[in-house]
Amino acid sequence: MRSIDMRLLTIPEAAARLGLKPATVRFWIWTRKIEYVKVGRAVRVSEDTIRKIIEHGTVPADRR
């Protein structure tokens, strides 16, 4: 179960955190590539989802 204290971001806020255009985040939501929350008619993305996207896309440094 998720924490009630999670912060929900608007699409422009989520896009800014990821360094993307809002249209990209909207497309990901439309194609269900990322999780989102519906609050009435509003669509929000949790900070936890943004964190997971960043962690999943992070490439570790080469330790040579």
PDB file of N, CA and C in Angstrom:
ATOM      1  N   MET A   1       0.836  -1.183   0.000  1.00  0.00           N
ATOM      2  CA  MET A   1       0.000   0.000   0.000  1.00  0.00           C
ATOM      3  C   MET A   1       0.881   1.247   0.000  1.00  0.00           C
ATOM      4  N   ARG A   2       0.445   2.258  -0.674  1.00  0.00           N
ATOM      5  CA  ARG A   2       1.232   3.485  -0.782  1.00  0.00           C
ATOM      6  C   ARG A   2       0.986   4.419   0.386  1.00  0.00           C
ATOM      7  N   SER A   3       1.976   5.237   0.652  1.00  0.00           N
ATOM      8  CA  SER A   3       1.882   6.214   1.722  1.00  0.00           C
ATOM      9  C   SER A   3       0.942   7.347   1.321  1.00  0.00           C
ATOM     10  N   ILE A   4       0.158   7.803   2.261  1.00  0.00           N
ATOM     11  CA  ILE A   4      -0.754   8.920   2.017  1.00  0.00           C
ATOM     12  C   ILE A   4       0.039  10.222   1.859  1.00  0.00           C
ATOM     13  N   ASP A   5       1.266  10.269   2.367  1.00  0.00           N
ATOM     14  CA  ASP A   5       2.073  11.481   2.357  1.00  0.00           C
ATOM     15  C   ASP A   5       2.768  11.740   1.023  1.00  0.00           C
ATOM     16  N   MET A   6       2.543  10.890   0.008  1.00  0.00           N
ATOM     17  CA  MET A   6       3.257  11.080  -1.249  1.00  0.00           C
ATOM     18  C   MET A   6       2.822  12.383  -1.913  1.00  0.00           C
ATOM     19  N   ARG A   7       3.755  13.031  -2.578  1.00  0.00           N
ATOM     20  CA  ARG A   7       3.471  14.277  -3.282  1.00  0.00           C
ATOM     21  C   ARG A   7       3.080  13.943  -4.704  1.00  0.00           C
ATOM     22  N   LEU A   8       2.006  14.566  -5.160  1.00  0.00           N
ATOM     23  CA  LEU A   8       1.554  14.375  -6.532  1.00  0.00           C
ATOM     24  C   LEU A   8       1.930  15.604  -7.351  1.00  0.00           C
ATOM     25  N   LEU A   9       2.533  15.365  -8.508  1.00  0.00           N
ATOM     26  CA  LEU A   9       3.007  16.432  -9.372  1.00  0.00           C
ATOM     27  C   LEU A   9       2.084  16.597 -10.569  1.00  0.00           C
ATOM     28  N   THR A  10       1.941  17.832 -11.017  1.00  0.00           N
ATOM     29  CA  THR A  10       1.232  18.071 -12.270  1.00  0.00           C
ATOM     30  C   THR A  10       2.106  17.562 -13.407  1.00  0.00           C
ATOM     31  N   ILE A  11       1.532  17.462 -14.586  1.00  0.00           N
ATOM     32  CA  ILE A  11       2.319  17.007 -15.735  1.00  0.00           C
ATOM     33  C   ILE A  11       3.483  17.957 -16.017  1.00  0.00           C
ATOM     34  N   PRO A  12       3.287  19.277 -16.025  1.00  0.00           N
ATOM     35  CA  PRO A  12       4.449  20.165 -16.235  1.00  0.00           C
ATOM     36  C   PRO A  12       5.526  20.021 -15.153  1.00  0.00           C
ATOM     37  N   GLU A  13       5.118  19.819 -13.896  1.00  0.00           N
ATOM     38  CA  GLU A  13       6.102  19.625 -12.819  1.00  0.00           C
ATOM     39  C   GLU A  13       6.878  18.329 -13.021  1.00  0.00           C
ATOM     40  N   ALA A  14       6.168  17.251 -13.363  1.00  0.00           N
ATOM     41  CA  ALA A  14       6.829  15.962 -13.599  1.00  0.00           C
ATOM     42  C   ALA A  14       7.797  16.070 -14.776  1.00  0.00           C
ATOM     43  N   ALA A  15       7.370  16.736 -15.836  1.00  0.00           N
ATOM     44  CA  ALA A  15       8.223  16.902 -17.014  1.00  0.00           C
ATOM     45  C   ALA A  15       9.479  17.689 -16.662  1.00  0.00           C
ATOM     46  N   ALA A  16       9.331  18.743 -15.874  1.00  0.00           N
ATOM     47  CA  ALA A  16      10.479  19.564 -15.481  1.00  0.00           C
ATOM     48  C   ALA A  16      11.483  18.737 -14.665  1.00  0.00           C
ATOM     49  N   ARG A  17      10.987  17.880 -13.777  1.00  0.00           N
ATOM     50  CA  ARG A  17      11.881  17.048 -12.965  1.00  0.00           C
ATOM     51  C   ARG A  17      12.665  16.065 -13.825  1.00  0.00           C
ATOM     52  N   LEU A  18      12.041  15.623 -14.926  1.00  0.00           N
ATOM     53  CA  LEU A  18      12.697  14.659 -15.811  1.00  0.00           C
ATOM     54  C   LEU A  18      13.471  15.334 -16.940  1.00  0.00           C
ATOM     55  N   GLY A  19      13.326  16.644 -17.084  1.00  0.00           N
ATOM     56  CA  GLY A  19      13.996  17.354 -18.162  1.00  0.00           C
ATOM     57  C   GLY A  19      13.364  17.067 -19.516  1.00  0.00           C
ATOM     58  N   LEU A  20      12.055  16.853 -19.514  1.00  0.00           N
ATOM     59  CA  LEU A  20      11.318  16.531 -20.733  1.00  0.00           C
ATOM     60  C   LEU A  20      10.244  17.562 -20.991  1.00  0.00           C
ATOM     61  N   LYS A  21       9.640  17.478 -22.164  1.00  0.00           N
ATOM     62  CA  LYS A  21       8.500  18.324 -22.484  1.00  0.00           C
ATOM     63  C   LYS A  21       7.244  17.704 -21.880  1.00  0.00           C
ATOM     64  N   PRO A  22       6.300  18.526 -21.462  1.00  0.00           N
ATOM     65  CA  PRO A  22       5.044  17.984 -20.938  1.00  0.00           C
ATOM     66  C   PRO A  22       4.344  17.045 -21.925  1.00  0.00           C
ATOM     67  N   ALA A  23       4.477  17.303 -23.210  1.00  0.00           N
ATOM     68  CA  ALA A  23       3.849  16.433 -24.210  1.00  0.00           C
ATOM     69  C   ALA A  23       4.388  15.007 -24.130  1.00  0.00           C
ATOM     70  N   THR A  24       5.664  14.857 -23.786  1.00  0.00           N
ATOM     71  CA  THR A  24       6.252  13.523 -23.648  1.00  0.00           C
ATOM     72  C   THR A  24       5.630  12.787 -22.471  1.00  0.00           C
ATOM     73  N   VAL A  25       5.481  13.467 -21.347  1.00  0.00           N
ATOM     74  CA  VAL A  25       4.868  12.850 -20.171  1.00  0.00           C
ATOM     75  C   VAL A  25       3.410  12.509 -20.462  1.00  0.00           C
ATOM     76  N   ARG A  26       2.702  13.413 -21.136  1.00  0.00           N
ATOM     77  CA  ARG A  26       1.314  13.117 -21.514  1.00  0.00           C
ATOM     78  C   ARG A  26       1.242  11.879 -22.402  1.00  0.00           C
ATOM     79  N   PHE A  27       2.166  11.740 -23.361  1.00  0.00           N
ATOM     80  CA  PHE A  27       2.194  10.575 -24.247  1.00  0.00           C
ATOM     81  C   PHE A  27       2.452   9.305 -23.443  1.00  0.00           C
ATOM     82  N   TRP A  28       3.407   9.364 -22.513  1.00  0.00           N
ATOM     83  CA  TRP A  28       3.693   8.203 -21.676  1.00  0.00           C
ATOM     84  C   TRP A  28       2.460   7.798 -20.869  1.00  0.00           C
ATOM     85  N   ILE A  29       1.718   8.782 -20.357  1.00  0.00           N
ATOM     86  CA  ILE A  29       0.494   8.496 -19.606  1.00  0.00           C
ATOM     87  C   ILE A  29      -0.546   7.880 -20.542  1.00  0.00           C
ATOM     88  N   TRP A  30      -0.727   8.467 -21.705  1.00  0.00           N
ATOM     89  CA  TRP A  30      -1.714   7.994 -22.668  1.00  0.00           C
ATOM     90  C   TRP A  30      -1.432   6.559 -23.104  1.00  0.00           C
ATOM     91  N   THR A  31      -0.148   6.221 -23.263  1.00  0.00           N
ATOM     92  CA  THR A  31       0.237   4.871 -23.679  1.00  0.00           C
ATOM     93  C   THR A  31       0.510   3.952 -22.476  1.00  0.00           C
ATOM     94  N   ARG A  32       0.267   4.471 -21.272  1.00  0.00           N
ATOM     95  CA  ARG A  32       0.439   3.728 -20.014  1.00  0.00           C
ATOM     96  C   ARG A  32       1.857   3.210 -19.813  1.00  0.00           C
ATOM     97  N   LYS A  33       2.819   4.027 -20.182  1.00  0.00           N
ATOM     98  CA  LYS A  33       4.228   3.679 -19.961  1.00  0.00           C
ATOM     99  C   LYS A  33       4.671   4.069 -18.555  1.00  0.00           C
ATOM    100  N   ILE A  34       3.911   4.966 -17.907  1.00  0.00           N
ATOM    101  CA  ILE A  34       4.199   5.329 -16.520  1.00  0.00           C
ATOM    102  C   ILE A  34       2.898   5.298 -15.725  1.00  0.00           C
ATOM    103  N   GLU A  35       3.054   5.127 -14.418  1.00  0.00           N
ATOM    104  CA  GLU A  35       1.895   5.148 -13.525  1.00  0.00           C
ATOM    105  C   GLU A  35       1.426   6.580 -13.346  1.00  0.00           C
ATOM    106  N   TYR A  36       0.130   6.745 -13.153  1.00  0.00           N
ATOM    107  CA  TYR A  36      -0.413   8.064 -12.878  1.00  0.00           C
ATOM    108  C   TYR A  36      -1.611   7.934 -11.952  1.00  0.00           C
ATOM    109  N   VAL A  37      -2.031   9.052 -11.402  1.00  0.00           N
ATOM    110  CA  VAL A  37      -3.147   9.093 -10.461  1.00  0.00           C
ATOM    111  C   VAL A  37      -4.194  10.036 -11.027  1.00  0.00           C
ATOM    112  N   LYS A  38      -5.445   9.599 -11.017  1.00  0.00           N
ATOM    113  CA  LYS A  38      -6.553  10.464 -11.417  1.00  0.00           C
ATOM    114  C   LYS A  38      -7.188  11.022 -10.153  1.00  0.00           C
ATOM    115  N   VAL A  39      -7.295  12.342 -10.093  1.00  0.00           N
ATOM    116  CA  VAL A  39      -7.966  13.022  -8.994  1.00  0.00           C
ATOM    117  C   VAL A  39      -9.079  13.820  -9.645  1.00  0.00           C
ATOM    118  N   GLY A  40     -10.259  13.247  -9.655  1.00  0.00           N
ATOM    119  CA  GLY A  40     -11.337  13.847 -10.431  1.00  0.00           C
ATOM    120  C   GLY A  40     -10.956  13.777 -11.897  1.00  0.00           C
ATOM    121  N   ARG A  41     -10.920  14.918 -12.556  1.00  0.00           N
ATOM    122  CA  ARG A  41     -10.508  14.968 -13.961  1.00  0.00           C
ATOM    123  C   ARG A  41      -9.024  15.255 -14.118  1.00  0.00           C
ATOM    124  N   ALA A  42      -8.377  15.603 -13.009  1.00  0.00           N
ATOM    125  CA  ALA A  42      -6.958  15.947 -13.053  1.00  0.00           C
ATOM    126  C   ALA A  42      -6.092  14.687 -13.073  1.00  0.00           C
ATOM    127  N   VAL A  43      -4.983  14.773 -13.783  1.00  0.00           N
ATOM    128  CA  VAL A  43      -4.018  13.683 -13.846  1.00  0.00           C
ATOM    129  C   VAL A  43      -2.756  14.140 -13.133  1.00  0.00           C
ATOM    130  N   ARG A  44      -2.262  13.303 -12.238  1.00  0.00           N
ATOM    131  CA  ARG A  44      -1.051  13.617 -11.483  1.00  0.00           C
ATOM    132  C   ARG A  44      -0.085  12.439 -11.542  1.00  0.00           C
ATOM    133  N   VAL A  45       1.199  12.737 -11.334  1.00  0.00           N
ATOM    134  CA  VAL A  45       2.240  11.716 -11.299  1.00  0.00           C
ATOM    135  C   VAL A  45       2.913  11.832  -9.941  1.00  0.00           C
ATOM    136  N   SER A  46       3.092  10.713  -9.268  1.00  0.00           N
ATOM    137  CA  SER A  46       3.691  10.758  -7.929  1.00  0.00           C
ATOM    138  C   SER A  46       5.200  10.984  -8.027  1.00  0.00           C
ATOM    139  N   GLU A  47       5.744  11.597  -6.994  1.00  0.00           N
ATOM    140  CA  GLU A  47       7.199  11.783  -6.921  1.00  0.00           C
ATOM    141  C   GLU A  47       7.899  10.436  -6.924  1.00  0.00           C
ATOM    142  N   ASP A  48       7.276   9.431  -6.324  1.00  0.00           N
ATOM    143  CA  ASP A  48       7.854   8.085  -6.286  1.00  0.00           C
ATOM    144  C   ASP A  48       8.004   7.530  -7.703  1.00  0.00           C
ATOM    145  N   THR A  49       7.026   7.764  -8.558  1.00  0.00           N
ATOM    146  CA  THR A  49       7.110   7.307  -9.950  1.00  0.00           C
ATOM    147  C   THR A  49       8.268   7.994 -10.663  1.00  0.00           C
ATOM    148  N   ILE A  50       8.431   9.281 -10.447  1.00  0.00           N
ATOM    149  CA  ILE A  50       9.533  10.031 -11.061  1.00  0.00           C
ATOM    150  C   ILE A  50      10.872   9.474 -10.573  1.00  0.00           C
ATOM    151  N   ARG A  51      10.963   9.196  -9.262  1.00  0.00           N
ATOM    152  CA  ARG A  51      12.190   8.638  -8.690  1.00  0.00           C
ATOM    153  C   ARG A  51      12.514   7.291  -9.320  1.00  0.00           C
ATOM    154  N   LYS A  52      11.508   6.443  -9.508  1.00  0.00           N
ATOM    155  CA  LYS A  52      11.718   5.122 -10.120  1.00  0.00           C
ATOM    156  C   LYS A  52      12.207   5.249 -11.565  1.00  0.00           C
ATOM    157  N   ILE A  53      11.648   6.194 -12.307  1.00  0.00           N
ATOM    158  CA  ILE A  53      12.068   6.407 -13.693  1.00  0.00           C
ATOM    159  C   ILE A  53      13.541   6.795 -13.731  1.00  0.00           C
ATOM    160  N   ILE A  54      13.934   7.697 -12.838  1.00  0.00           N
ATOM    161  CA  ILE A  54      15.324   8.146 -12.792  1.00  0.00           C
ATOM    162  C   ILE A  54      16.247   6.993 -12.374  1.00  0.00           C
ATOM    163  N   GLU A  55      15.845   6.240 -11.352  1.00  0.00           N
ATOM    164  CA  GLU A  55      16.670   5.115 -10.900  1.00  0.00           C
ATOM    165  C   GLU A  55      16.803   4.052 -11.987  1.00  0.00           C
ATOM    166  N   HIS A  56      15.714   3.761 -12.670  1.00  0.00           N
ATOM    167  CA  HIS A  56      15.730   2.739 -13.718  1.00  0.00           C
ATOM    168  C   HIS A  56      16.619   3.157 -14.893  1.00  0.00           C
ATOM    169  N   GLY A  57      16.654   4.452 -15.173  1.00  0.00           N
ATOM    170  CA  GLY A  57      17.425   4.942 -16.310  1.00  0.00           C
ATOM    171  C   GLY A  57      18.860   5.279 -15.985  1.00  0.00           C
ATOM    172  N   THR A  58      19.241   5.174 -14.707  1.00  0.00           N
ATOM    173  CA  THR A  58      20.595   5.524 -14.310  1.00  0.00           C
ATOM    174  C   THR A  58      21.565   4.408 -14.686  1.00  0.00           C
ATOM    175  N   VAL A  59      22.607   4.793 -15.404  1.00  0.00           N
ATOM    176  CA  VAL A  59      23.630   3.838 -15.821  1.00  0.00           C
ATOM    177  C   VAL A  59      24.792   3.970 -14.839  1.00  0.00           C
ATOM    178  N   PRO A  60      25.206   2.868 -14.199  1.00  0.00           N
ATOM    179  CA  PRO A  60      26.306   2.950 -13.239  1.00  0.00           C
ATOM    180  C   PRO A  60      27.630   3.283 -13.917  1.00  0.00           C
ATOM    181  N   ALA A  61      28.500   3.913 -13.141  1.00  0.00           N
ATOM    182  CA  ALA A  61      29.817   4.267 -13.639  1.00  0.00           C
ATOM    183  C   ALA A  61      30.655   3.003 -13.870  1.00  0.00           C
ATOM    184  N   ASP A  62      31.536   3.063 -14.830  1.00  0.00           N
ATOM    185  CA  ASP A  62      32.465   1.964 -15.118  1.00  0.00           C
ATOM    186  C   ASP A  62      33.608   2.044 -14.104  1.00  0.00           C
ATOM    187  N   ARG A  63      33.772   1.034 -13.314  1.00  0.00           N
ATOM    188  CA  ARG A  63      34.763   1.051 -12.222  1.00  0.00           C
ATOM    189  C   ARG A  63      36.066   0.392 -12.635  1.00  0.00           C
ATOM    190  N   ARG A  64      36.686   0.893 -13.662  1.00  0.00           N
ATOM    191  CA  ARG A  64      37.989   0.326 -14.121  1.00  0.00           C
ATOM    192  C   ARG A  64      39.144   0.926 -13.389  1.00  0.00           C
TER     193      ARG A  64
END
